[in-house]
N, C-alpha and C. Protein backbone atom coordinates (compact mmCIF):
# COMPACT_ATOMS: atom_id res chain seq x y z
N UNK A 1 39.28 -28.34 -18.96
CA UNK A 1 39.63 -29.47 -19.79
C UNK A 1 39.42 -29.30 -21.25
N UNK A 2 40.36 -29.61 -22.06
CA UNK A 2 40.34 -29.41 -23.59
C UNK A 2 39.88 -30.70 -24.22
N UNK A 3 39.28 -30.54 -25.17
CA UNK A 3 38.85 -31.73 -26.05
C UNK A 3 40.11 -32.36 -26.55
N UNK A 4 40.03 -33.67 -26.96
CA UNK A 4 40.94 -34.52 -27.67
C UNK A 4 41.37 -33.78 -28.93
N UNK A 5 42.57 -33.84 -29.46
CA UNK A 5 42.75 -33.28 -30.74
C UNK A 5 42.20 -33.93 -31.91
N UNK A 6 42.01 -33.35 -32.97
CA UNK A 6 41.32 -34.04 -34.21
C UNK A 6 42.36 -35.18 -34.63
N UNK A 7 43.46 -34.87 -34.56
CA UNK A 7 44.63 -35.95 -34.89
C UNK A 7 44.31 -37.32 -34.12
N UNK A 8 44.26 -37.12 -32.78
CA UNK A 8 44.01 -38.19 -31.96
C UNK A 8 42.68 -38.99 -32.16
N UNK A 9 41.72 -38.20 -32.47
CA UNK A 9 40.16 -38.62 -33.07
C UNK A 9 40.36 -39.48 -34.19
N UNK A 10 41.17 -38.96 -35.09
CA UNK A 10 41.18 -39.70 -36.38
C UNK A 10 41.90 -41.03 -36.24
N UNK A 11 43.02 -40.94 -35.45
CA UNK A 11 43.68 -42.30 -35.33
C UNK A 11 42.86 -43.36 -34.55
N UNK A 12 42.26 -42.84 -33.59
CA UNK A 12 41.28 -43.71 -32.73
C UNK A 12 40.27 -44.31 -33.65
N UNK A 13 39.50 -43.47 -34.53
CA UNK A 13 38.40 -43.87 -35.42
C UNK A 13 39.11 -44.89 -36.47
N UNK A 14 40.29 -44.59 -36.90
CA UNK A 14 40.78 -45.49 -37.81
C UNK A 14 41.13 -46.82 -37.23
N UNK A 15 41.60 -46.83 -36.06
CA UNK A 15 41.85 -48.08 -35.31
C UNK A 15 40.60 -48.94 -35.10
N UNK A 16 39.44 -48.14 -34.88
CA UNK A 16 38.17 -49.01 -34.58
C UNK A 16 37.88 -49.61 -35.83
N UNK A 17 38.16 -48.93 -37.10
CA UNK A 17 37.73 -49.52 -38.23
C UNK A 17 38.52 -50.78 -38.71
N UNK A 18 39.48 -51.23 -38.02
CA UNK A 18 40.23 -52.33 -38.37
C UNK A 18 39.57 -53.61 -38.08
N UNK A 19 39.66 -54.69 -38.93
CA UNK A 19 38.95 -55.78 -38.67
C UNK A 19 39.29 -56.44 -37.41
N UNK A 20 38.41 -56.88 -36.58
CA UNK A 20 38.60 -57.42 -35.25
C UNK A 20 39.19 -56.48 -34.15
N UNK A 21 38.84 -55.19 -34.29
CA UNK A 21 39.29 -54.18 -33.38
C UNK A 21 38.19 -54.28 -32.10
N UNK A 22 38.68 -54.19 -30.98
CA UNK A 22 37.87 -54.04 -29.88
C UNK A 22 38.00 -52.64 -29.30
N UNK A 23 36.84 -52.13 -28.93
CA UNK A 23 36.99 -50.80 -28.32
C UNK A 23 37.76 -50.73 -27.16
N UNK A 24 37.80 -51.68 -26.29
CA UNK A 24 38.51 -51.68 -24.96
C UNK A 24 40.11 -51.78 -25.49
N UNK A 25 40.53 -52.44 -26.47
CA UNK A 25 41.98 -52.54 -26.80
C UNK A 25 42.34 -51.11 -27.31
N UNK A 26 41.50 -50.71 -28.25
CA UNK A 26 41.76 -49.24 -28.73
C UNK A 26 42.03 -48.38 -27.68
N UNK A 27 41.22 -48.32 -26.72
CA UNK A 27 41.12 -47.28 -25.58
C UNK A 27 42.51 -47.36 -24.96
N UNK A 28 42.83 -48.69 -24.51
CA UNK A 28 44.10 -49.07 -24.02
C UNK A 28 45.32 -48.42 -24.79
N UNK A 29 45.14 -48.72 -26.08
CA UNK A 29 46.48 -48.33 -26.93
C UNK A 29 46.63 -46.83 -27.09
N UNK A 30 45.46 -46.17 -27.04
CA UNK A 30 45.62 -44.51 -27.21
C UNK A 30 45.48 -43.76 -25.95
N UNK A 31 45.29 -44.57 -24.71
CA UNK A 31 45.33 -44.02 -23.47
C UNK A 31 44.17 -43.09 -23.26
N UNK A 32 42.99 -43.50 -23.83
CA UNK A 32 41.79 -42.84 -23.60
C UNK A 32 40.79 -43.87 -22.98
N UNK A 33 39.48 -43.35 -22.59
CA UNK A 33 38.48 -44.20 -21.81
C UNK A 33 37.61 -44.94 -22.97
N UNK A 34 37.07 -46.06 -22.77
CA UNK A 34 36.33 -46.73 -23.46
C UNK A 34 35.08 -46.08 -23.97
N UNK A 35 34.60 -45.23 -22.95
CA UNK A 35 33.46 -44.42 -23.15
C UNK A 35 33.56 -43.40 -24.19
N UNK A 36 34.89 -42.79 -24.35
CA UNK A 36 35.31 -41.88 -25.42
C UNK A 36 35.21 -42.63 -26.77
N UNK A 37 35.83 -43.74 -26.73
CA UNK A 37 36.01 -44.41 -28.04
C UNK A 37 34.45 -44.89 -28.64
N UNK A 38 33.53 -45.07 -27.72
CA UNK A 38 32.24 -45.67 -28.16
C UNK A 38 31.39 -44.51 -28.47
N UNK A 39 31.63 -43.27 -27.81
CA UNK A 39 30.97 -42.04 -28.22
C UNK A 39 31.57 -41.41 -29.50
N UNK A 40 32.76 -41.61 -29.81
CA UNK A 40 33.51 -41.20 -30.90
C UNK A 40 32.90 -42.02 -32.21
N UNK A 41 32.86 -43.37 -31.85
CA UNK A 41 32.29 -44.19 -33.20
C UNK A 41 30.98 -43.98 -33.49
N UNK A 42 30.15 -43.61 -32.37
CA UNK A 42 28.64 -43.26 -32.59
C UNK A 42 28.33 -41.76 -33.23
N UNK A 43 29.42 -41.00 -32.75
CA UNK A 43 29.22 -39.65 -33.31
C UNK A 43 29.51 -39.65 -34.89
N UNK A 44 30.66 -40.48 -35.17
CA UNK A 44 31.16 -40.43 -36.60
C UNK A 44 30.09 -41.11 -37.43
N UNK A 45 29.35 -42.18 -36.90
CA UNK A 45 28.25 -42.96 -37.54
C UNK A 45 27.11 -41.99 -37.77
N UNK A 46 26.73 -41.26 -36.77
CA UNK A 46 25.54 -40.23 -36.82
C UNK A 46 25.73 -38.99 -37.64
N UNK A 47 26.94 -38.22 -37.40
CA UNK A 47 27.20 -37.11 -38.16
C UNK A 47 28.22 -37.07 -39.11
N UNK A 48 29.14 -38.08 -39.25
CA UNK A 48 30.10 -38.16 -40.28
C UNK A 48 31.24 -37.30 -39.78
N UNK A 49 31.33 -36.76 -38.75
CA UNK A 49 32.32 -35.85 -38.10
C UNK A 49 33.02 -36.28 -36.98
N UNK A 50 34.35 -36.05 -36.80
CA UNK A 50 35.04 -36.42 -35.49
C UNK A 50 35.31 -35.27 -34.69
N UNK A 51 34.97 -34.08 -35.12
CA UNK A 51 35.17 -32.94 -34.42
C UNK A 51 34.31 -32.84 -33.13
N UNK A 52 35.06 -32.30 -32.07
CA UNK A 52 34.23 -32.33 -30.77
C UNK A 52 32.97 -31.40 -30.74
N UNK A 53 32.18 -31.53 -29.92
CA UNK A 53 30.89 -30.82 -29.73
C UNK A 53 31.55 -29.36 -29.30
N UNK A 54 30.74 -28.29 -29.80
CA UNK A 54 31.24 -27.16 -29.36
C UNK A 54 30.67 -26.82 -27.69
N UNK A 55 31.48 -25.93 -27.10
CA UNK A 55 31.42 -25.67 -25.78
C UNK A 55 30.10 -25.01 -25.49
N UNK A 56 29.32 -25.24 -24.55
CA UNK A 56 28.06 -24.72 -24.20
C UNK A 56 28.15 -23.30 -23.46
N UNK A 57 29.40 -23.15 -22.88
CA UNK A 57 29.37 -21.79 -22.08
C UNK A 57 28.97 -21.80 -20.71
N UNK A 58 28.22 -22.86 -20.29
CA UNK A 58 27.57 -22.76 -18.78
C UNK A 58 26.33 -22.00 -18.93
N UNK A 59 25.79 -22.04 -17.67
CA UNK A 59 24.55 -21.23 -17.63
C UNK A 59 24.82 -19.76 -17.38
N UNK A 60 23.82 -19.05 -17.62
CA UNK A 60 24.00 -17.46 -17.51
C UNK A 60 24.02 -17.20 -16.04
N UNK A 61 24.68 -16.22 -15.75
CA UNK A 61 24.85 -15.65 -14.43
C UNK A 61 23.52 -15.11 -13.73
N UNK A 62 23.44 -15.18 -12.52
CA UNK A 62 22.22 -14.69 -11.99
C UNK A 62 22.18 -13.19 -11.85
N UNK A 63 23.18 -12.52 -11.71
CA UNK A 63 23.16 -11.02 -11.68
C UNK A 63 23.33 -10.44 -13.28
N UNK A 64 22.45 -9.78 -13.59
CA UNK A 64 22.59 -9.22 -14.76
C UNK A 64 23.42 -8.07 -14.83
N UNK A 65 23.71 -7.34 -15.91
CA UNK A 65 24.46 -6.21 -16.12
C UNK A 65 24.11 -5.08 -15.00
N UNK A 66 22.66 -4.76 -15.13
CA UNK A 66 22.23 -3.75 -14.03
C UNK A 66 22.63 -4.05 -12.62
N UNK A 67 22.28 -5.41 -12.17
CA UNK A 67 22.54 -5.70 -10.90
C UNK A 67 24.04 -5.70 -10.62
N UNK A 68 25.07 -6.11 -11.64
CA UNK A 68 26.56 -5.83 -11.40
C UNK A 68 26.80 -4.47 -11.16
N UNK A 69 26.33 -3.62 -11.99
CA UNK A 69 26.69 -2.06 -11.82
C UNK A 69 26.31 -1.63 -10.60
N UNK A 70 25.15 -2.01 -10.00
CA UNK A 70 24.58 -1.59 -8.66
C UNK A 70 25.76 -2.12 -7.64
N UNK A 71 26.12 -3.40 -7.74
CA UNK A 71 26.91 -3.95 -6.80
C UNK A 71 28.28 -3.37 -6.86
N UNK A 72 28.86 -2.96 -7.74
CA UNK A 72 30.05 -2.35 -7.92
C UNK A 72 30.13 -0.95 -7.35
N UNK A 73 28.74 -0.34 -7.65
CA UNK A 73 28.57 1.16 -6.85
C UNK A 73 28.60 0.90 -5.47
N UNK A 74 27.72 -0.06 -5.05
CA UNK A 74 27.55 -0.14 -3.55
C UNK A 74 28.93 -0.60 -2.86
N UNK A 75 29.80 -1.23 -3.56
CA UNK A 75 30.97 -1.68 -2.86
C UNK A 75 31.89 -0.51 -2.69
N UNK A 76 31.89 0.32 -3.82
CA UNK A 76 32.61 1.61 -3.66
C UNK A 76 32.27 2.59 -2.63
N UNK A 77 31.05 2.46 -2.33
CA UNK A 77 30.41 3.31 -1.37
C UNK A 77 30.79 2.54 0.20
N UNK A 78 30.67 1.45 0.22
CA UNK A 78 30.78 0.61 1.38
C UNK A 78 31.94 -0.27 1.22
N UNK A 79 33.24 0.03 1.30
CA UNK A 79 34.33 -0.79 0.83
C UNK A 79 34.77 -1.98 1.87
N UNK A 80 34.09 -1.71 3.06
CA UNK A 80 34.53 -2.54 4.17
C UNK A 80 33.37 -3.61 4.27
N UNK A 81 32.44 -3.59 3.63
CA UNK A 81 31.23 -4.71 3.47
C UNK A 81 31.79 -6.13 3.24
N UNK A 82 31.26 -7.08 4.14
CA UNK A 82 31.72 -8.39 3.86
C UNK A 82 30.75 -8.94 2.83
N UNK A 83 30.92 -10.28 2.17
CA UNK A 83 30.23 -10.94 1.26
C UNK A 83 28.91 -11.11 1.70
N UNK A 84 28.65 -11.29 2.92
CA UNK A 84 27.37 -11.53 3.54
C UNK A 84 26.64 -10.37 3.66
N UNK A 85 27.33 -9.11 4.08
CA UNK A 85 26.50 -8.03 4.01
C UNK A 85 26.29 -7.50 2.77
N UNK A 86 27.06 -7.67 1.70
CA UNK A 86 26.70 -7.30 0.35
C UNK A 86 25.56 -8.06 -0.13
N UNK A 87 25.33 -9.37 0.33
CA UNK A 87 24.35 -10.21 -0.26
C UNK A 87 23.05 -9.62 0.57
N UNK A 88 22.95 -9.29 1.58
CA UNK A 88 21.96 -8.68 2.48
C UNK A 88 21.51 -7.62 1.83
N UNK A 89 22.39 -6.74 1.52
CA UNK A 89 22.09 -5.35 0.76
C UNK A 89 21.34 -5.60 -0.64
N UNK A 90 21.89 -6.44 -1.15
CA UNK A 90 21.26 -6.87 -2.38
C UNK A 90 19.93 -7.30 -2.46
N UNK A 91 19.84 -8.27 -1.53
CA UNK A 91 18.32 -8.83 -1.09
C UNK A 91 17.33 -7.64 -0.64
N UNK A 92 17.91 -6.80 0.21
CA UNK A 92 17.05 -5.77 0.69
C UNK A 92 16.50 -4.73 -0.57
N UNK A 93 17.36 -4.72 -1.65
CA UNK A 93 16.76 -3.92 -2.78
C UNK A 93 15.69 -4.57 -3.55
N UNK A 94 15.30 -5.66 -3.11
CA UNK A 94 14.35 -6.64 -3.89
C UNK A 94 14.91 -7.50 -4.95
N UNK A 95 16.29 -7.54 -4.90
CA UNK A 95 17.02 -8.69 -5.83
C UNK A 95 16.72 -10.07 -5.36
N UNK A 96 16.87 -10.89 -6.39
CA UNK A 96 16.48 -12.19 -6.14
C UNK A 96 17.84 -12.89 -5.39
N UNK A 97 17.57 -13.88 -4.39
CA UNK A 97 18.58 -14.36 -3.58
C UNK A 97 19.85 -15.07 -4.42
N UNK A 98 20.87 -14.68 -4.15
CA UNK A 98 22.16 -15.28 -5.00
C UNK A 98 23.09 -15.79 -3.75
N UNK A 99 23.97 -16.69 -4.12
CA UNK A 99 25.08 -17.14 -3.19
C UNK A 99 26.28 -16.02 -3.20
N UNK A 100 27.10 -16.20 -2.10
CA UNK A 100 28.16 -15.40 -1.90
C UNK A 100 29.17 -15.59 -3.08
N UNK A 101 29.33 -16.83 -3.75
CA UNK A 101 30.10 -17.05 -4.75
C UNK A 101 29.79 -16.26 -5.94
N UNK A 102 28.67 -15.97 -6.25
CA UNK A 102 28.10 -15.13 -7.23
C UNK A 102 28.50 -13.75 -7.25
N UNK A 103 28.41 -13.20 -5.88
CA UNK A 103 28.81 -11.85 -5.67
C UNK A 103 30.31 -11.79 -5.71
N UNK A 104 31.17 -12.71 -5.21
CA UNK A 104 32.58 -12.62 -5.22
C UNK A 104 33.16 -12.56 -6.73
N UNK A 105 32.41 -13.40 -7.69
CA UNK A 105 32.75 -13.35 -8.97
C UNK A 105 32.71 -12.20 -9.63
N UNK A 106 31.80 -11.29 -9.35
CA UNK A 106 31.39 -10.04 -10.00
C UNK A 106 32.59 -9.18 -9.29
N UNK A 107 32.78 -9.24 -8.11
CA UNK A 107 33.63 -8.32 -7.39
C UNK A 107 35.10 -8.63 -8.20
N UNK A 108 35.55 -10.02 -8.32
CA UNK A 108 36.81 -10.34 -8.69
C UNK A 108 37.05 -9.84 -10.21
N UNK A 109 35.89 -9.84 -11.07
CA UNK A 109 35.84 -9.42 -12.53
C UNK A 109 36.19 -7.94 -12.40
N UNK A 110 35.94 -7.16 -11.32
CA UNK A 110 36.25 -5.66 -11.47
C UNK A 110 37.25 -5.48 -10.52
N UNK A 111 38.05 -6.43 -10.04
CA UNK A 111 39.47 -6.15 -9.33
C UNK A 111 39.03 -5.56 -7.95
N UNK A 112 38.03 -5.97 -7.30
CA UNK A 112 37.56 -5.29 -6.07
C UNK A 112 37.83 -6.33 -4.95
N UNK A 113 38.54 -5.81 -3.99
CA UNK A 113 38.86 -6.70 -2.86
C UNK A 113 37.64 -6.93 -1.87
N UNK A 114 37.75 -8.18 -1.20
CA UNK A 114 36.67 -8.49 -0.30
C UNK A 114 37.11 -8.34 1.06
N UNK A 115 36.25 -8.19 1.96
CA UNK A 115 36.61 -8.10 3.43
C UNK A 115 36.16 -9.38 3.90
N UNK A 116 37.15 -10.18 4.51
CA UNK A 116 36.94 -11.47 4.81
C UNK A 116 36.23 -11.71 6.30
N UNK A 117 36.54 -10.78 7.09
CA UNK A 117 35.82 -10.98 8.46
C UNK A 117 34.94 -9.64 8.76
N UNK A 118 33.98 -9.90 9.70
CA UNK A 118 33.10 -8.79 10.06
C UNK A 118 34.00 -7.83 10.80
N UNK A 119 33.62 -6.52 11.08
CA UNK A 119 34.41 -5.67 11.91
C UNK A 119 34.12 -6.20 13.33
N UNK A 120 35.13 -5.93 14.27
CA UNK A 120 35.06 -6.31 15.64
C UNK A 120 35.12 -5.13 16.51
N UNK A 121 34.66 -5.10 17.63
CA UNK A 121 34.85 -3.96 18.71
C UNK A 121 36.29 -3.84 19.03
N UNK A 122 36.94 -2.84 18.96
CA UNK A 122 38.36 -2.46 19.18
C UNK A 122 38.39 -2.01 20.87
N UNK A 123 39.37 -2.75 21.59
CA UNK A 123 39.36 -2.36 22.92
C UNK A 123 40.42 -1.32 23.08
């Protein structure tokens, strides 16, 4: 989701400064939430700026660069391993437990396919 444009923020702030303006009416007029209007007015009063906060980038990945390199090399040696098997192999090396989604994200970044089902006995 992208932040609202600076133009919209400026118009909302200007509408809030009109005499007798109510935040709920301003929110309806511009199609934004009341909490956005309230936070915008508070931010303008505190910092003097209407610019959105910078993106935080999310939390750091559990697998560092060395662990990702190991995982890619392991998948190249064992291309038929499932995500669960990859997770077990990683934990067997003494790595910290991670979810299968974390492993899948590393594989996806390196354009490696994943095996969806374990191997079955063929008749």
